[in-house]
Amino acid sequence: MNGRGVIVGVDVGGTFTDLFLLDSTKGTFRTAKVPSRRGDEALGFLNGLAALGGAAGMQSIVHGTTVGTNTLLERRGPKIGIIATRGFRDTLEMRRRDRRRTWGLWGDFVPIADRDMRLEVDERTLADGTTRAGVNADEVRAAAKALLAKGAQAIAITFINAYANAENERRALEAVREVWPNEFVTASHEVLSEIREFERSSTAALNSYLQPVVASYLGKLDAALATQSFPGKLQIVQSNGGIMSTATARKLPARTALSGPAAGVVAGAAIAKAAGYENLITCDLGGTSFDVSVVAGGKIAVAAQTTVDFGLVIRTPMIEITTIGAGGGSIASVDRGGLLQVGPESAGSVPGPACYSAGNTRPTLTDAQVVLGRINAARPLGGELKSLDVEAARRAIATHVGEPLKLNVEDAAAAIVRVAEARMAGAIRLVSIERGHDPARFAAMPFGGGGALHASALIREIGLKAALVPRFPGITSALGCVLADLRHDSVQTLNIMLEGLDSAALERRMQTAGRNAATVIADADIPVERTDIVYELDMHYLGQTHTVAVPLPVASSGGSLGVNETMIRQAFETAYLASFSRLLPGLPMRIVSLRVAAIGRRPSFDFRVFAPEASASLDKARRGMRSVWFAGGFRDAAIWSRLDLPAGAHIEGPAILEQPDATTVIEPGLAGRIDALGNLIVETARCI
């Protein structure tokens, strides 16, 4: 295949690696799904490329990865060192005085760097940027050597108020690099030039913690791609839904913490827009987790920071995603109190569910679906296994769930599914009802290898408007990698009052930040149709602690942004009213930070390429009947080949729709229809 116009999206999940190849010059695409390799994710990546014919003909590979996320969750990163301002080495441990457990005066939080690995040096910068005490380079070098002797593989410099004046950090950075043996050196102002000492220190420390891991992983990929004569560029999906170069990912790996899930949200929003849906809840069910995000009014929700695990705070723009440990590989067990639990422990791809016959004897959600007849044991996903071992799944469920709960195998399997679906419903309620959204106005978009199995249950449990199942649910995140724009975010603290604002000075700072961000996009050397600059302020009423994000409706016209006090006041009141449903008249307003995002818009994707073929027909799609468990017991369900269904096809439940990358369940009382783009819309039967 000619390399011109060939772009490949790769999403490496906990169980499967998904790939989507688009040849824009020919208007064709291909997909692939292969098992991931836990502990050696690069191997799954390369096996996926091999399934598409190798990397030699590919112009660009865009990769969504969970390497950073898993490193933080499993605490399997290297030992790191911290050099802090004297008196501030415990910032990471004190956090925001939060506790993992609400009640009691004890906790079990372990900071990412042990206390003996956090050293202090004399220096002090005041909040207004004044340098009260300069830093001594010899003292910094001595601290770095001490940390190196203790086994640190990476180091972070976190000086107080470095956001206001980074001179001391820059001098310390130079001193450390003189003695440090590798490139894994982070200064907090380079990662986050923003007020909030804990968040800045935490982000810098976690960036340092991830640098060796992410750099090693990307190094393996680069080396392997070189052996395959790959002529193009490898890019990485950021947690904000944009993409960046591997060089940026090596320097700022904290921005990849939610890389894989973010790509799925990007694809979900684009698919929903093309299908005519503005309000969407994306539901990504993979092998290890269930990731949920809200798209309201066609806009993806982006947060200023996230907590990957308790106390592990990363402050960088990220798509708002809620994650629970409930995936296809999640292990079911009965606890000491006799309660059935599903997850968060996962069997992953190795050894995988019990039905894989690869050594695991404990039941998973996938095993339950196989026993209930929802997953066709003769047609497993991924292509590596020829069939699934139903008897192994039954034994695992009987031993670990059925016997302790005194249930037969089928009832035990049904209980596993119900518990898992209740957890999924809880995650959706968390991002919808508890944030003021009415689920009846939203459609769920289930994707990932297992998401479509629960499409009907999500409608039933939560009262959603419908479920919009993409044409290829199993590779939706990989598709998102292809659709993702380039994006670079920056932030700087202002700490100025709105009243009496020097509008000209603020506009100069905005324009400078905008030009710098646009330069990063240009330097990435990735074709884009245009670059948009988006400006946002963090603001609050004087005396408040927390801020609200205030988008500024500005556009460059003749070199001027048109920023003024009245416009900012109106924008703040609009944002504040939307968040809290009231204003606080008479209180002064403060501008805390300026956020700037440069977004390089990639060429638009024509979803008509997914439209069913003209030769598709109901007769061609029929695959007979199968006994499948639904609420109340087993029933005969019609089996359909999803990709052979024509546009406009109407399928009454109970039904099972099968395709190489996913299986969709339509429960009794629901029905599905195929739209012009090949999407499956599942609704209550009376709506069809």
Foldseek 3Di string as FASTA:
>chain_A
DAAPQWEKFWEQDLFKIKMKIARPVVRDIDIAIATADVPQRLVRVQVRCVVVPFQQSHAEYEYAYQLLLCCVVVVVFFAAAEEEAPPCQCLLVCPVVDAPDPDDDDHDDDGNHHSVRYHYFHWDADLQRRTPGAGDLVVLLVSLVVNVVVPHLAYEYQYPNCLNPVVRVVSSQVSNVVPHPDDLYYYLCVQASADDRSQSVLQRSSQSRCLVRLVVSVVVNVVVSVVRNNPHAYWYAFQQLFIAGSVVCNNRVSRSNPRLVSLLVLLVLQVCVVVVAQWEWEWEAAQFKTKIFIRHRSHFAWDQWDASDVSNIHGHIGGDIDMDGAHQQFFWAADPVRDIDTDNDGCGNVVGAQQSVSPDQTHHLNLLQVLQVQDAQCFDANPPDRGTRNVSSQRNQCVGFCVSNVHHSNVSSVVNVVNSLVVSLVSVCVNAVVQPHQQQSYEYEFAAAERQACQQVNCVVRVHVWHKYDLFRRNSSSVSSVQHWHKDKHKHWDWFWLVPDPQVVVFVVLVVVQVVQVVSVVVSPDDFPDKDKWKWWFKDFPPDDHTWIFTQPFDADPNGRPDHSVSSVVSRVVRVCVRPVDDDPPTTMTTTMMMMMITGHHDDDDLLSQFADPPADQVVFWDAWDFGADVPGTDIATETALNSHHAFDKAAPQYWHDDNRYIHGQHHQKMWGQHRSSIIIIHGPVVD
